[in-house]
C-alpha cells in the first residue's frame, strides 16, 4: 500500500511491550474518485513505524508536512476498559519519506555576539 498525504499533527513516540520504540501518526489523504479526479474531503489514516527510525521521525516531522508512506494494512484489536471490543486499521510503514523540505536551521551567531 502506498499513500501520500499531510500529517495532521506532530507524531508521537512510545515504548511498546517489547521495549522497542514505536512512532504513531495520523495522515490526511485527499479523496480521489474512480476517474482519478480529486473529490472534496480527506480520509484519515493511522500510520505506525517502529525501531530506530521511530525516534528520529518525531524530531524531524511536523504537522502539515507532506509524507509518502509505503507499508501493509494491519488490523488492531483490543477490549476497552468498558468491556467493548474495538478494532481499527492502521498502516504499518516499511518506508516513510518526507516530501516537503525541512525548514532551514536558524542562523548561528558567532560566539562574540552571544555575550
N, C-alpha and C. Protein backbone atom coordinates (compact mmCIF):
# COMPACT_ATOMS: atom_id res chain seq x y z
N UNK A 1 0.85 -1.17 0.00
CA UNK A 1 0.00 0.00 0.00
C UNK A 1 0.89 1.23 0.00
N UNK A 2 0.60 2.17 -0.89
CA UNK A 2 1.34 3.43 -0.98
C UNK A 2 0.37 4.58 -0.79
N UNK A 3 0.73 5.51 0.07
CA UNK A 3 -0.12 6.66 0.37
C UNK A 3 0.70 7.94 0.36
N UNK A 4 0.08 9.04 -0.06
CA UNK A 4 0.69 10.36 0.04
C UNK A 4 -0.34 11.27 0.68
N UNK A 5 0.09 11.99 1.72
CA UNK A 5 -0.82 12.89 2.41
C UNK A 5 -0.07 13.83 3.32
N UNK A 6 -0.83 14.55 4.14
CA UNK A 6 -0.25 15.51 5.09
C UNK A 6 -0.46 15.03 6.52
N UNK A 7 0.57 15.25 7.33
CA UNK A 7 0.46 14.90 8.75
C UNK A 7 -0.55 15.81 9.41
N UNK A 8 -1.44 15.23 10.20
CA UNK A 8 -2.47 16.00 10.89
C UNK A 8 -1.85 16.77 12.06
N UNK A 9 -0.89 16.14 12.74
CA UNK A 9 -0.20 16.76 13.88
C UNK A 9 1.16 16.12 14.01
N UNK A 10 1.94 16.60 14.95
CA UNK A 10 3.27 16.04 15.17
C UNK A 10 3.14 14.58 15.63
N UNK A 11 3.96 13.68 15.10
CA UNK A 11 3.90 12.27 15.51
C UNK A 11 4.24 12.10 16.99
N UNK A 12 3.79 10.98 17.55
CA UNK A 12 4.09 10.64 18.95
C UNK A 12 4.94 9.38 18.98
N UNK A 13 5.82 9.29 19.96
CA UNK A 13 6.66 8.10 20.11
C UNK A 13 6.43 7.52 21.50
N UNK A 14 6.47 6.18 21.57
CA UNK A 14 6.29 5.50 22.86
C UNK A 14 6.99 4.16 22.81
N UNK A 15 7.28 3.63 23.98
CA UNK A 15 7.87 2.29 24.07
C UNK A 15 6.73 1.28 24.16
N UNK A 16 6.82 0.21 23.39
CA UNK A 16 5.80 -0.84 23.42
C UNK A 16 6.27 -1.98 24.33
N UNK A 17 5.43 -2.99 24.53
CA UNK A 17 5.73 -4.07 25.47
C UNK A 17 7.06 -4.77 25.19
N UNK A 18 7.47 -4.82 23.93
CA UNK A 18 8.73 -5.48 23.58
C UNK A 18 9.94 -4.62 23.94
N UNK A 19 9.71 -3.36 24.33
CA UNK A 19 10.79 -2.45 24.64
C UNK A 19 11.23 -1.63 23.44
N UNK A 20 10.70 -1.93 22.28
CA UNK A 20 11.03 -1.22 21.05
C UNK A 20 10.27 0.10 21.01
N UNK A 21 10.85 1.10 20.33
CA UNK A 21 10.19 2.39 20.17
C UNK A 21 9.22 2.30 18.99
N UNK A 22 8.07 2.97 19.14
CA UNK A 22 7.05 2.98 18.10
C UNK A 22 6.61 4.42 17.87
N UNK A 23 6.53 4.83 16.63
CA UNK A 23 6.09 6.17 16.27
C UNK A 23 4.72 6.06 15.61
N UNK A 24 3.75 6.81 16.12
CA UNK A 24 2.41 6.80 15.56
C UNK A 24 2.08 8.19 15.03
N UNK A 25 1.37 8.21 13.93
CA UNK A 25 0.98 9.48 13.33
C UNK A 25 -0.32 9.30 12.56
N UNK A 26 -0.98 10.38 12.30
CA UNK A 26 -2.21 10.36 11.51
C UNK A 26 -1.96 11.20 10.26
N UNK A 27 -2.31 10.61 9.11
CA UNK A 27 -2.08 11.26 7.83
C UNK A 27 -3.42 11.51 7.15
N UNK A 28 -3.61 12.72 6.64
CA UNK A 28 -4.82 13.08 5.89
C UNK A 28 -4.55 12.86 4.41
N UNK A 29 -5.31 11.94 3.80
CA UNK A 29 -5.14 11.58 2.40
C UNK A 29 -6.29 12.20 1.60
N UNK A 30 -5.99 13.02 0.58
CA UNK A 30 -7.08 13.60 -0.23
C UNK A 30 -7.88 12.50 -0.92
N UNK A 31 -9.20 12.71 -1.01
CA UNK A 31 -10.07 11.75 -1.72
C UNK A 31 -9.90 11.91 -3.22
N UNK A 32 -9.91 10.77 -3.91
CA UNK A 32 -9.82 10.76 -5.37
C UNK A 32 -10.90 9.81 -5.87
N UNK A 33 -11.65 10.26 -6.87
CA UNK A 33 -12.73 9.45 -7.43
C UNK A 33 -12.20 8.34 -8.33
N UNK A 34 -13.12 7.51 -8.81
CA UNK A 34 -12.76 6.37 -9.67
C UNK A 34 -12.08 6.81 -10.96
N UNK A 35 -12.36 8.02 -11.41
CA UNK A 35 -11.76 8.52 -12.64
C UNK A 35 -10.42 9.22 -12.40
N UNK A 36 -10.01 9.30 -11.14
CA UNK A 36 -8.76 9.96 -10.82
C UNK A 36 -8.90 11.44 -10.52
N UNK A 37 -10.12 11.95 -10.58
CA UNK A 37 -10.37 13.36 -10.32
C UNK A 37 -10.53 13.56 -8.81
N UNK A 38 -9.84 14.56 -8.24
CA UNK A 38 -9.98 14.82 -6.79
C UNK A 38 -11.43 15.12 -6.41
N UNK A 39 -11.82 14.61 -5.23
CA UNK A 39 -13.14 14.87 -4.67
C UNK A 39 -12.98 15.64 -3.37
N UNK A 40 -14.04 16.30 -2.92
CA UNK A 40 -13.94 17.02 -1.65
C UNK A 40 -13.70 16.06 -0.49
N UNK A 41 -12.96 16.53 0.50
CA UNK A 41 -12.74 15.77 1.71
C UNK A 41 -11.43 15.00 1.73
N UNK A 42 -11.17 14.41 2.88
CA UNK A 42 -9.95 13.62 3.10
C UNK A 42 -10.30 12.35 3.86
N UNK A 43 -9.40 11.38 3.81
CA UNK A 43 -9.50 10.15 4.59
C UNK A 43 -8.34 10.19 5.58
N UNK A 44 -8.63 9.97 6.85
CA UNK A 44 -7.59 9.97 7.87
C UNK A 44 -7.10 8.54 8.09
N UNK A 45 -5.78 8.35 8.01
CA UNK A 45 -5.17 7.04 8.13
C UNK A 45 -4.15 7.07 9.25
N UNK A 46 -4.24 6.10 10.17
CA UNK A 46 -3.24 5.96 11.23
C UNK A 46 -2.06 5.19 10.67
N UNK A 47 -0.84 5.70 10.93
CA UNK A 47 0.39 5.08 10.44
C UNK A 47 1.29 4.81 11.63
N UNK A 48 1.92 3.61 11.63
CA UNK A 48 2.82 3.21 12.70
C UNK A 48 4.14 2.79 12.09
N UNK A 49 5.23 3.23 12.69
CA UNK A 49 6.56 2.75 12.31
C UNK A 49 7.32 2.46 13.59
N UNK A 50 8.22 1.50 13.53
CA UNK A 50 8.92 1.06 14.75
C UNK A 50 10.41 1.01 14.52
N UNK A 51 11.13 0.82 15.61
CA UNK A 51 12.57 0.65 15.53
C UNK A 51 13.34 1.95 15.68
N UNK A 52 14.57 1.92 15.23
CA UNK A 52 15.48 3.05 15.38
C UNK A 52 14.94 4.30 14.71
N UNK A 53 14.30 4.16 13.58
CA UNK A 53 13.80 5.31 12.82
C UNK A 53 12.67 6.04 13.55
N UNK A 54 11.97 5.37 14.45
CA UNK A 54 10.81 5.96 15.12
C UNK A 54 11.17 7.23 15.89
N UNK A 55 12.24 7.21 16.67
CA UNK A 55 12.62 8.39 17.46
C UNK A 55 13.03 9.54 16.55
N UNK A 56 13.75 9.25 15.48
CA UNK A 56 14.18 10.29 14.55
C UNK A 56 13.02 10.97 13.86
N UNK A 57 11.97 10.22 13.57
CA UNK A 57 10.81 10.81 12.90
C UNK A 57 10.14 11.87 13.76
N UNK A 58 10.06 11.64 15.04
CA UNK A 58 9.41 12.60 15.93
C UNK A 58 10.14 13.93 15.90
N UNK A 59 11.46 13.89 15.84
CA UNK A 59 12.25 15.12 15.82
C UNK A 59 12.18 15.80 14.46
N UNK A 60 11.96 15.04 13.40
CA UNK A 60 12.02 15.54 12.03
C UNK A 60 10.68 16.06 11.51
N UNK A 61 9.58 15.44 11.90
CA UNK A 61 8.28 15.72 11.31
C UNK A 61 7.45 16.72 12.11
N UNK A 62 6.65 17.50 11.40
CA UNK A 62 5.73 18.47 11.99
C UNK A 62 4.38 18.34 11.31
N UNK A 63 3.34 18.75 12.01
CA UNK A 63 2.01 18.74 11.42
C UNK A 63 1.97 19.57 10.15
N UNK A 64 1.23 19.10 9.15
CA UNK A 64 1.10 19.81 7.89
C UNK A 64 2.10 19.38 6.83
N UNK A 65 3.15 18.67 7.21
CA UNK A 65 4.16 18.24 6.23
C UNK A 65 3.60 17.12 5.36
N UNK A 66 3.96 17.13 4.07
CA UNK A 66 3.56 16.05 3.17
C UNK A 66 4.52 14.88 3.32
N UNK A 67 3.95 13.67 3.39
CA UNK A 67 4.76 12.46 3.51
C UNK A 67 4.24 11.40 2.54
N UNK A 68 5.14 10.51 2.13
CA UNK A 68 4.78 9.34 1.34
C UNK A 68 5.05 8.13 2.22
N UNK A 69 4.07 7.25 2.32
CA UNK A 69 4.16 6.07 3.18
C UNK A 69 3.97 4.82 2.33
N UNK A 70 4.81 3.84 2.55
CA UNK A 70 4.66 2.54 1.91
C UNK A 70 4.65 1.50 3.02
N UNK A 71 3.67 0.61 3.01
CA UNK A 71 3.59 -0.39 4.08
C UNK A 71 2.43 -1.34 3.87
N UNK A 72 2.07 -2.02 4.95
CA UNK A 72 0.99 -3.01 4.88
C UNK A 72 -0.14 -2.60 5.81
N UNK A 73 -1.35 -2.98 5.45
CA UNK A 73 -2.52 -2.70 6.26
C UNK A 73 -2.63 -3.76 7.35
N UNK A 74 -2.85 -3.32 8.59
CA UNK A 74 -2.90 -4.22 9.73
C UNK A 74 -4.15 -3.92 10.56
N UNK A 75 -4.78 -4.94 11.11
CA UNK A 75 -5.95 -4.79 11.96
C UNK A 75 -5.52 -4.82 13.41
N UNK A 76 -5.83 -3.78 14.16
CA UNK A 76 -5.53 -3.68 15.59
C UNK A 76 -6.83 -3.95 16.35
N UNK A 77 -6.80 -4.93 17.26
CA UNK A 77 -7.99 -5.29 18.04
C UNK A 77 -7.68 -5.21 19.53
N UNK A 78 -8.63 -4.73 20.34
CA UNK A 78 -8.48 -4.67 21.78
C UNK A 78 -9.84 -4.57 22.44
N UNK A 79 -9.85 -4.72 23.76
CA UNK A 79 -11.06 -4.56 24.56
C UNK A 79 -10.85 -3.33 25.43
N UNK A 80 -11.76 -2.37 25.34
CA UNK A 80 -11.61 -1.14 26.11
C UNK A 80 -11.98 -1.38 27.57
N UNK A 81 -11.70 -0.41 28.46
CA UNK A 81 -11.98 -0.59 29.89
C UNK A 81 -13.45 -0.89 30.20
N UNK A 82 -14.36 -0.50 29.30
CA UNK A 82 -15.78 -0.77 29.49
C UNK A 82 -16.20 -2.15 29.01
N UNK A 83 -15.23 -2.95 28.51
CA UNK A 83 -15.53 -4.29 28.05
C UNK A 83 -15.94 -4.39 26.59
N UNK A 84 -15.95 -3.27 25.87
CA UNK A 84 -16.32 -3.26 24.46
C UNK A 84 -15.14 -3.67 23.59
N UNK A 85 -15.42 -4.52 22.61
CA UNK A 85 -14.39 -4.93 21.66
C UNK A 85 -14.22 -3.80 20.64
N UNK A 86 -12.97 -3.40 20.43
CA UNK A 86 -12.66 -2.31 19.50
C UNK A 86 -11.71 -2.80 18.43
N UNK A 87 -11.83 -2.23 17.24
CA UNK A 87 -10.92 -2.55 16.14
C UNK A 87 -10.61 -1.28 15.37
N UNK A 88 -9.46 -1.27 14.72
CA UNK A 88 -9.12 -0.19 13.81
C UNK A 88 -8.05 -0.70 12.86
N UNK A 89 -8.03 -0.15 11.69
CA UNK A 89 -7.00 -0.47 10.71
C UNK A 89 -5.91 0.59 10.81
N UNK A 90 -4.68 0.17 10.63
CA UNK A 90 -3.56 1.09 10.58
C UNK A 90 -2.56 0.59 9.55
N UNK A 91 -1.77 1.50 9.02
CA UNK A 91 -0.73 1.14 8.07
C UNK A 91 0.57 0.99 8.86
N UNK A 92 1.18 -0.18 8.77
CA UNK A 92 2.49 -0.42 9.38
C UNK A 92 3.51 -0.07 8.30
N UNK A 93 4.22 1.03 8.49
CA UNK A 93 5.09 1.58 7.45
C UNK A 93 6.40 0.81 7.34
N UNK A 94 6.73 0.44 6.09
CA UNK A 94 8.05 -0.10 5.79
C UNK A 94 8.98 1.06 5.42
N UNK A 95 8.41 2.04 4.71
CA UNK A 95 9.17 3.21 4.29
C UNK A 95 8.33 4.45 4.51
N UNK A 96 9.00 5.54 4.89
CA UNK A 96 8.32 6.82 5.05
C UNK A 96 9.27 7.89 4.53
N UNK A 97 8.80 8.69 3.60
CA UNK A 97 9.64 9.73 3.01
C UNK A 97 8.98 11.08 3.20
N UNK A 98 9.76 12.06 3.63
CA UNK A 98 9.27 13.42 3.80
C UNK A 98 9.33 14.09 2.43
N UNK A 99 8.19 14.61 1.96
CA UNK A 99 8.12 15.23 0.64
C UNK A 99 8.31 16.74 0.69
N UNK A 100 8.05 17.36 1.82
CA UNK A 100 8.29 18.79 1.99
C UNK A 100 9.71 18.99 2.47
N UNK A 101 10.37 20.04 2.00
CA UNK A 101 11.72 20.29 2.50
C UNK A 101 11.66 20.66 3.98
N UNK A 102 12.67 20.21 4.72
CA UNK A 102 12.75 20.57 6.13
C UNK A 102 13.07 22.06 6.24
N UNK A 103 12.53 22.75 7.25
CA UNK A 103 12.83 24.17 7.39
C UNK A 103 14.32 24.36 7.67
N UNK A 104 14.90 25.46 7.18
CA UNK A 104 16.33 25.68 7.42
C UNK A 104 16.60 25.91 8.90
N UNK A 105 17.79 25.52 9.32
CA UNK A 105 18.20 25.74 10.71
C UNK A 105 18.39 27.23 10.92
N UNK A 106 18.07 27.74 12.12
CA UNK A 106 18.26 29.17 12.37
C UNK A 106 19.75 29.52 12.28
N UNK A 107 20.07 30.74 11.84
CA UNK A 107 21.48 31.11 11.73
C UNK A 107 22.14 31.11 13.10
N UNK A 108 23.36 30.69 13.11
CA UNK A 108 24.11 30.62 14.37
C UNK A 108 24.93 31.90 14.51
N UNK A 109 24.84 32.53 15.68
CA UNK A 109 25.59 33.74 15.95
C UNK A 109 27.01 33.41 16.35
N UNK A 110 27.98 34.20 15.94
CA UNK A 110 29.35 33.97 16.41
C UNK A 110 29.40 34.09 17.92
N UNK A 111 30.36 33.39 18.54
CA UNK A 111 30.49 33.40 20.00
C UNK A 111 30.61 34.79 20.57
N UNK A 112 31.25 35.71 19.86
CA UNK A 112 31.43 37.08 20.36
C UNK A 112 30.10 37.79 20.52
N UNK A 113 29.12 37.47 19.68
CA UNK A 113 27.82 38.14 19.75
C UNK A 113 26.90 37.53 20.80
N UNK A 114 27.28 36.39 21.36
CA UNK A 114 26.45 35.75 22.38
C UNK A 114 26.62 36.39 23.74
N UNK A 115 27.68 37.13 23.95
CA UNK A 115 27.96 37.71 25.28
C UNK A 115 27.26 38.99 25.50
